[in-house]
Amino acid sequence: MQNPDDPNNGGDLLGDAREEIVGMAKQGMAHPSTKPVLTAGAIGAVAGAVLPVVSWPVGLIAGAGFMLYKRLRP
């Protein structure tokens, strides 16, 4: 998570995302971002299965990606 008082707030999104994903991979379910990202991915997969145009893998990626973004930039 970023410090809101940091003047460089919002700088390197890809670097922050990589750092967060590596932390989630190393710590597993103990990492604070893992459960919300997995939950949002599951909800996205269900929504993708229900919608006629979007398939469940697209929904899974969209849901997990959105929650990861919200964890990085609240």
C-alpha atoms as a PDB file:
ATOM      1  CA  MET A   1       0.000   0.000   0.000  1.00  0.00           C
ATOM      2  CA  GLN A   2       1.142   3.494  -0.723  1.00  0.00           C
ATOM      3  CA  ASN A   3       1.590   6.372   1.636  1.00  0.00           C
ATOM      4  CA  PRO A   4      -0.970   9.081   0.736  1.00  0.00           C
ATOM      5  CA  ASP A   5       1.478  11.780   1.865  1.00  0.00           C
ATOM      6  CA  ASP A   6       4.133  10.603  -0.603  1.00  0.00           C
ATOM      7  CA  PRO A   7       4.695  13.200  -3.372  1.00  0.00           C
ATOM      8  CA  ASN A   8       5.312  10.375  -5.881  1.00  0.00           C
ATOM      9  CA  ASN A   9       1.942   8.783  -5.112  1.00  0.00           C
ATOM     10  CA  GLY A  10       0.579   7.105  -8.239  1.00  0.00           C
ATOM     11  CA  GLY A  11       3.954   6.772  -9.911  1.00  0.00           C
ATOM     12  CA  ASP A  12       4.861   3.220 -10.879  1.00  0.00           C
ATOM     13  CA  LEU A  13       1.705   1.097 -11.092  1.00  0.00           C
ATOM     14  CA  LEU A  14       3.381  -1.868 -12.798  1.00  0.00           C
ATOM     15  CA  GLY A  15       6.209  -1.963 -10.268  1.00  0.00           C
ATOM     16  CA  ASP A  16       3.736  -1.800  -7.389  1.00  0.00           C
ATOM     17  CA  ALA A  17       1.611  -4.538  -8.965  1.00  0.00           C
ATOM     18  CA  ARG A  18       4.649  -6.769  -9.438  1.00  0.00           C
ATOM     19  CA  GLU A  19       5.680  -6.238  -5.825  1.00  0.00           C
ATOM     20  CA  GLU A  20       2.163  -7.050  -4.600  1.00  0.00           C
ATOM     21  CA  ILE A  21       1.870 -10.183  -6.757  1.00  0.00           C
ATOM     22  CA  VAL A  22       5.279 -11.461  -5.634  1.00  0.00           C
ATOM     23  CA  GLY A  23       4.269 -10.864  -2.002  1.00  0.00           C
ATOM     24  CA  MET A  24       1.016 -12.752  -2.564  1.00  0.00           C
ATOM     25  CA  ALA A  25       2.898 -15.637  -4.200  1.00  0.00           C
ATOM     26  CA  LYS A  26       5.439 -15.889  -1.384  1.00  0.00           C
ATOM     27  CA  GLN A  27       3.060 -15.492   1.560  1.00  0.00           C
ATOM     28  CA  GLY A  28       0.037 -17.279   0.098  1.00  0.00           C
ATOM     29  CA  MET A  29      -3.191 -16.858   2.056  1.00  0.00           C
ATOM     30  CA  ALA A  30      -1.335 -15.028   4.854  1.00  0.00           C
ATOM     31  CA  HIS A  31      -0.887 -11.972   2.603  1.00  0.00           C
ATOM     32  CA  PRO A  32      -3.616  -9.343   3.208  1.00  0.00           C
ATOM     33  CA  SER A  33      -4.392  -8.932  -0.525  1.00  0.00           C
ATOM     34  CA  THR A  34      -4.804 -12.599  -1.423  1.00  0.00           C
ATOM     35  CA  LYS A  35      -8.324 -13.207  -0.117  1.00  0.00           C
ATOM     36  CA  PRO A  36      -9.947 -10.065  -1.602  1.00  0.00           C
ATOM     37  CA  VAL A  37      -8.300 -10.659  -4.994  1.00  0.00           C
ATOM     38  CA  LEU A  38      -9.375 -14.319  -5.092  1.00  0.00           C
ATOM     39  CA  THR A  39     -12.907 -13.412  -3.994  1.00  0.00           C
ATOM     40  CA  ALA A  40     -13.243 -10.756  -6.673  1.00  0.00           C
ATOM     41  CA  GLY A  41     -11.879 -13.199  -9.256  1.00  0.00           C
ATOM     42  CA  ALA A  42     -14.505 -15.776  -8.274  1.00  0.00           C
ATOM     43  CA  ILE A  43     -17.294 -13.190  -8.460  1.00  0.00           C
ATOM     44  CA  GLY A  44     -16.016 -12.076 -11.854  1.00  0.00           C
ATOM     45  CA  ALA A  45     -15.961 -15.685 -13.088  1.00  0.00           C
ATOM     46  CA  VAL A  46     -19.576 -16.205 -12.014  1.00  0.00           C
ATOM     47  CA  ALA A  47     -20.595 -12.940 -13.661  1.00  0.00           C
ATOM     48  CA  GLY A  48     -18.731 -13.933 -16.810  1.00  0.00           C
ATOM     49  CA  ALA A  49     -20.498 -17.298 -16.902  1.00  0.00           C
ATOM     50  CA  VAL A  50     -23.913 -15.614 -16.602  1.00  0.00           C
ATOM     51  CA  LEU A  51     -23.329 -12.895 -19.207  1.00  0.00           C
ATOM     52  CA  PRO A  52     -23.883 -14.027 -22.795  1.00  0.00           C
ATOM     53  CA  VAL A  53     -20.903 -12.250 -24.416  1.00  0.00           C
ATOM     54  CA  VAL A  54     -18.199 -12.700 -21.750  1.00  0.00           C
ATOM     55  CA  SER A  55     -16.809 -16.111 -20.795  1.00  0.00           C
ATOM     56  CA  TRP A  56     -15.804 -17.081 -17.256  1.00  0.00           C
ATOM     57  CA  PRO A  57     -12.002 -16.742 -17.796  1.00  0.00           C
ATOM     58  CA  VAL A  58     -12.469 -13.143 -18.929  1.00  0.00           C
ATOM     59  CA  GLY A  59     -14.634 -12.449 -15.884  1.00  0.00           C
ATOM     60  CA  LEU A  60     -12.073 -14.094 -13.602  1.00  0.00           C
ATOM     61  CA  ILE A  61      -9.223 -11.967 -14.945  1.00  0.00           C
ATOM     62  CA  ALA A  62     -11.320  -8.799 -14.910  1.00  0.00           C
ATOM     63  CA  GLY A  63     -12.511  -9.315 -11.319  1.00  0.00           C
ATOM     64  CA  ALA A  64      -9.073 -10.184  -9.964  1.00  0.00           C
ATOM     65  CA  GLY A  65      -7.439  -7.366 -11.919  1.00  0.00           C
ATOM     66  CA  PHE A  66      -9.945  -4.817 -10.682  1.00  0.00           C
ATOM     67  CA  MET A  67      -9.478  -5.813  -7.033  1.00  0.00           C
ATOM     68  CA  LEU A  68      -5.689  -5.821  -7.375  1.00  0.00           C
ATOM     69  CA  TYR A  69      -5.896  -2.302  -8.809  1.00  0.00           C
ATOM     70  CA  LYS A  70      -8.162  -1.186  -5.939  1.00  0.00           C
ATOM     71  CA  ARG A  71      -5.672  -2.660  -3.430  1.00  0.00           C
ATOM     72  CA  LEU A  72      -2.846  -0.682  -5.054  1.00  0.00           C
ATOM     73  CA  ARG A  73      -4.728   2.578  -5.656  1.00  0.00           C
ATOM     74  CA  PRO A  74      -7.590   2.890  -3.129  1.00  0.00           C
END
